[in-house]
C-alpha atoms as a PDB file:
ATOM      1  CA  MET A   1    -174.142 101.066 -17.630  1.00  0.00           C
ATOM      2  CA  ARG A   2    -171.615  98.733 -19.197  1.00  0.00           C
ATOM      3  CA  PHE A   3    -172.909  96.449 -21.938  1.00  0.00           C
ATOM      4  CA  LEU A   4    -171.320  93.116 -22.788  1.00  0.00           C
ATOM      5  CA  GLY A   5    -170.426  92.607 -26.412  1.00  0.00           C
ATOM      6  CA  TYR A   6    -168.653  94.564 -29.109  1.00  0.00           C
ATOM      7  CA  PRO A   7    -168.745  98.338 -29.526  1.00  0.00           C
ATOM      8  CA  ILE A   8    -169.723  99.638 -32.971  1.00  0.00           C
ATOM      9  CA  THR A   9    -169.600 103.144 -34.362  1.00  0.00           C
ATOM     10  CA  ILE A  10    -172.698 104.351 -36.211  1.00  0.00           C
ATOM     11  CA  LEU A  11    -171.750 106.691 -39.073  1.00  0.00           C
ATOM     12  CA  ARG A  12    -174.771 108.908 -39.713  1.00  0.00           C
ATOM     13  CA  GLU A  13    -174.959 111.538 -42.451  1.00  0.00           C
ATOM     14  CA  THR A  14    -176.590 114.743 -41.301  1.00  0.00           C
ATOM     15  CA  SER A  15    -178.640 117.087 -43.443  1.00  0.00           C
ATOM     16  CA  GLY A  16    -176.701 119.873 -45.104  1.00  0.00           C
ATOM     17  CA  ASP A  17    -177.163 123.601 -45.035  1.00  0.00           C
ATOM     18  CA  GLY A  18    -179.570 123.645 -47.983  1.00  0.00           C
ATOM     19  CA  SER A  19    -176.892 123.974 -50.671  1.00  0.00           C
ATOM     20  CA  LEU A  20    -177.408 122.103 -53.931  1.00  0.00           C
ATOM     21  CA  ASP A  21    -174.926 120.342 -56.191  1.00  0.00           C
ATOM     22  CA  ILE A  22    -174.688 120.961 -59.947  1.00  0.00           C
ATOM     23  CA  HIS A  23    -177.569 118.552 -60.534  1.00  0.00           C
ATOM     24  CA  GLY A  24    -179.878 120.307 -58.038  1.00  0.00           C
ATOM     25  CA  ASP A  25    -179.587 117.625 -55.382  1.00  0.00           C
ATOM     26  CA  PRO A  26    -179.071 118.656 -51.754  1.00  0.00           C
ATOM     27  CA  LEU A  27    -175.517 118.406 -50.436  1.00  0.00           C
ATOM     28  CA  PRO A  28    -175.157 116.235 -47.337  1.00  0.00           C
ATOM     29  CA  GLY A  29    -173.797 117.621 -44.116  1.00  0.00           C
ATOM     30  CA  PRO A  30    -171.011 116.220 -41.988  1.00  0.00           C
ATOM     31  CA  ILE A  31    -171.007 112.631 -40.797  1.00  0.00           C
ATOM     32  CA  VAL A  32    -171.692 112.171 -37.090  1.00  0.00           C
ATOM     33  CA  GLU A  33    -170.036 109.251 -35.285  1.00  0.00           C
ATOM     34  CA  ILE A  34    -172.127 107.609 -32.538  1.00  0.00           C
ATOM     35  CA  LEU A  35    -170.515 104.998 -30.292  1.00  0.00           C
ATOM     36  CA  SER A  36    -172.887 102.154 -29.346  1.00  0.00           C
ATOM     37  CA  GLU A  37    -171.813  99.318 -27.058  1.00  0.00           C
ATOM     38  CA  GLY A  38    -173.097  95.865 -26.314  1.00  0.00           C
ATOM     39  CA  TRP A  39    -173.534  94.305 -29.778  1.00  0.00           C
ATOM     40  CA  GLY A  40    -173.319  90.652 -30.647  1.00  0.00           C
ATOM     41  CA  VAL A  41    -172.031  89.947 -34.137  1.00  0.00           C
ATOM     42  CA  SER A  42    -172.880  86.841 -36.149  1.00  0.00           C
ATOM     43  CA  TRP A  43    -170.224  84.975 -38.081  1.00  0.00           C
ATOM     44  CA  PRO A  44    -169.559  86.618 -41.483  1.00  0.00           C
ATOM     45  CA  GLN A  45    -171.354  85.057 -44.407  1.00  0.00           C
ATOM     46  CA  VAL A  46    -169.543  85.173 -47.741  1.00  0.00           C
ATOM     47  CA  THR A  47    -171.352  84.580 -51.001  1.00  0.00           C
ATOM     48  CA  GLU A  48    -170.220  84.836 -54.581  1.00  0.00           C
ATOM     49  CA  ALA A  49    -172.055  87.202 -56.892  1.00  0.00           C
ATOM     50  CA  ILE A  50    -171.620  86.609 -60.598  1.00  0.00           C
ATOM     51  CA  GLU A  51    -171.617  89.893 -62.448  1.00  0.00           C
ATOM     52  CA  SER A  52    -170.943  90.702 -66.059  1.00  0.00           C
ATOM     53  CA  TRP A  53    -167.295  91.490 -65.202  1.00  0.00           C
ATOM     54  CA  GLY A  54    -166.765  88.304 -63.178  1.00  0.00           C
ATOM     55  CA  GLU A  55    -167.328  86.889 -59.737  1.00  0.00           C
ATOM     56  CA  SER A  56    -167.115  89.063 -56.645  1.00  0.00           C
ATOM     57  CA  PRO A  57    -167.359  87.913 -53.033  1.00  0.00           C
ATOM     58  CA  LEU A  58    -170.007  89.577 -50.869  1.00  0.00           C
ATOM     59  CA  SER A  59    -169.593  89.553 -47.105  1.00  0.00           C
ATOM     60  CA  SER A  60    -172.388  90.248 -44.633  1.00  0.00           C
ATOM     61  CA  VAL A  61    -172.789  89.991 -40.868  1.00  0.00           C
ATOM     62  CA  GLY A  62    -175.695  90.311 -38.427  1.00  0.00           C
ATOM     63  CA  PHE A  63    -175.601  92.736 -35.494  1.00  0.00           C
ATOM     64  CA  TYR A  64    -177.685  91.882 -32.395  1.00  0.00           C
ATOM     65  CA  ARG A  65    -178.339  93.895 -29.267  1.00  0.00           C
ATOM     66  CA  ARG A  66    -180.574  93.380 -26.245  1.00  0.00           C
ATOM     67  CA  GLU A  67    -181.291  97.074 -25.742  1.00  0.00           C
ATOM     68  CA  GLN A  68    -183.075  99.289 -28.277  1.00  0.00           C
ATOM     69  CA  GLU A  69    -180.941 101.420 -30.597  1.00  0.00           C
ATOM     70  CA  THR A  70    -181.880 103.756 -33.415  1.00  0.00           C
ATOM     71  CA  ILE A  71    -180.361 102.516 -36.671  1.00  0.00           C
ATOM     72  CA  PHE A  72    -181.461 103.945 -40.026  1.00  0.00           C
ATOM     73  CA  PRO A  73    -181.158 102.157 -43.396  1.00  0.00           C
ATOM     74  CA  SER A  74    -178.861 104.995 -44.573  1.00  0.00           C
ATOM     75  CA  ASP A  75    -176.399 104.489 -41.672  1.00  0.00           C
ATOM     76  CA  ARG A  76    -172.985 102.932 -42.068  1.00  0.00           C
ATOM     77  CA  ILE A  77    -171.376 100.898 -39.303  1.00  0.00           C
ATOM     78  CA  ARG A  78    -167.708 100.789 -38.382  1.00  0.00           C
ATOM     79  CA  TRP A  79    -166.777  97.515 -36.712  1.00  0.00           C
ATOM     80  CA  ASP A  80    -163.594  95.451 -36.754  1.00  0.00           C
ATOM     81  CA  SER A  81    -161.830  98.350 -38.546  1.00  0.00           C
ATOM     82  CA  LYS A  82    -164.157  97.868 -41.535  1.00  0.00           C
ATOM     83  CA  VAL A  83    -167.206  99.821 -42.740  1.00  0.00           C
ATOM     84  CA  TRP A  84    -170.545  98.039 -43.240  1.00  0.00           C
ATOM     85  CA  ALA A  85    -173.736  99.251 -44.941  1.00  0.00           C
ATOM     86  CA  VAL A  86    -177.059  98.551 -43.207  1.00  0.00           C
ATOM     87  CA  GLN A  87    -179.324  96.264 -45.265  1.00  0.00           C
ATOM     88  CA  GLY A  88    -183.007  97.035 -44.863  1.00  0.00           C
ATOM     89  CA  GLU A  89    -184.699  97.930 -41.598  1.00  0.00           C
ATOM     90  CA  VAL A  90    -183.797  97.155 -38.011  1.00  0.00           C
ATOM     91  CA  ARG A  91    -185.939  94.270 -36.764  1.00  0.00           C
ATOM     92  CA  SER A  92    -186.734  92.833 -33.365  1.00  0.00           C
ATOM     93  CA  TRP A  93    -185.606  89.362 -32.416  1.00  0.00           C
ATOM     94  CA  LYS A  94    -187.309  86.970 -30.049  1.00  0.00           C
ATOM     95  CA  SER A  95    -186.123  84.075 -27.975  1.00  0.00           C
ATOM     96  CA  PRO A  96    -186.966  80.728 -29.652  1.00  0.00           C
ATOM     97  CA  TYR A  97    -187.772  79.349 -26.196  1.00  0.00           C
ATOM     98  CA  ASP A  98    -190.359  81.776 -24.846  1.00  0.00           C
ATOM     99  CA  LEU A  99    -191.045  84.124 -27.836  1.00  0.00           C
ATOM    100  CA  VAL A 100    -190.302  87.196 -25.716  1.00  0.00           C
ATOM    101  CA  GLN A 101    -188.773  90.122 -27.586  1.00  0.00           C
ATOM    102  CA  ARG A 102    -185.131  90.319 -26.576  1.00  0.00           C
ATOM    103  CA  GLY A 103    -183.784  93.236 -28.616  1.00  0.00           C
ATOM    104  CA  VAL A 104    -182.974  94.459 -32.102  1.00  0.00           C
ATOM    105  CA  TYR A 105    -180.907  93.180 -34.998  1.00  0.00           C
ATOM    106  CA  PHE A 106    -179.960  94.133 -38.540  1.00  0.00           C
ATOM    107  CA  MET A 107    -177.879  92.757 -41.367  1.00  0.00           C
ATOM    108  CA  ALA A 108    -175.012  94.722 -42.881  1.00  0.00           C
ATOM    109  CA  SER A 109    -172.825  94.172 -45.935  1.00  0.00           C
ATOM    110  CA  ARG A 110    -169.180  95.097 -46.341  1.00  0.00           C
ATOM    111  CA  VAL A 111    -168.539  98.384 -48.088  1.00  0.00           C
ATOM    112  CA  ALA A 112    -165.673  98.243 -50.578  1.00  0.00           C
END
């Protein structure tokens, strides 16, 4: 089935082989790339964060899809040749006209 919208690539870290780093933390496994089609993307929102070293712009976008998709908070998203970090949990969105659940959405911020 062909979905309308943008394709995104979900970058998901897999569990490692049980090896530990020098601090005793588990080493992650390879990153799996999962192609997912049919996403709507909201206009980027840019805000200014004032940190101790100065101001830094933060960019975030919303990803919307009519069909269900498994997205974890630890996933990264490649879209528009940039990598985005998922913010929080994937939520459902409803039509403002009939309140019927239409799909899933999540917010993501630009990874430097």
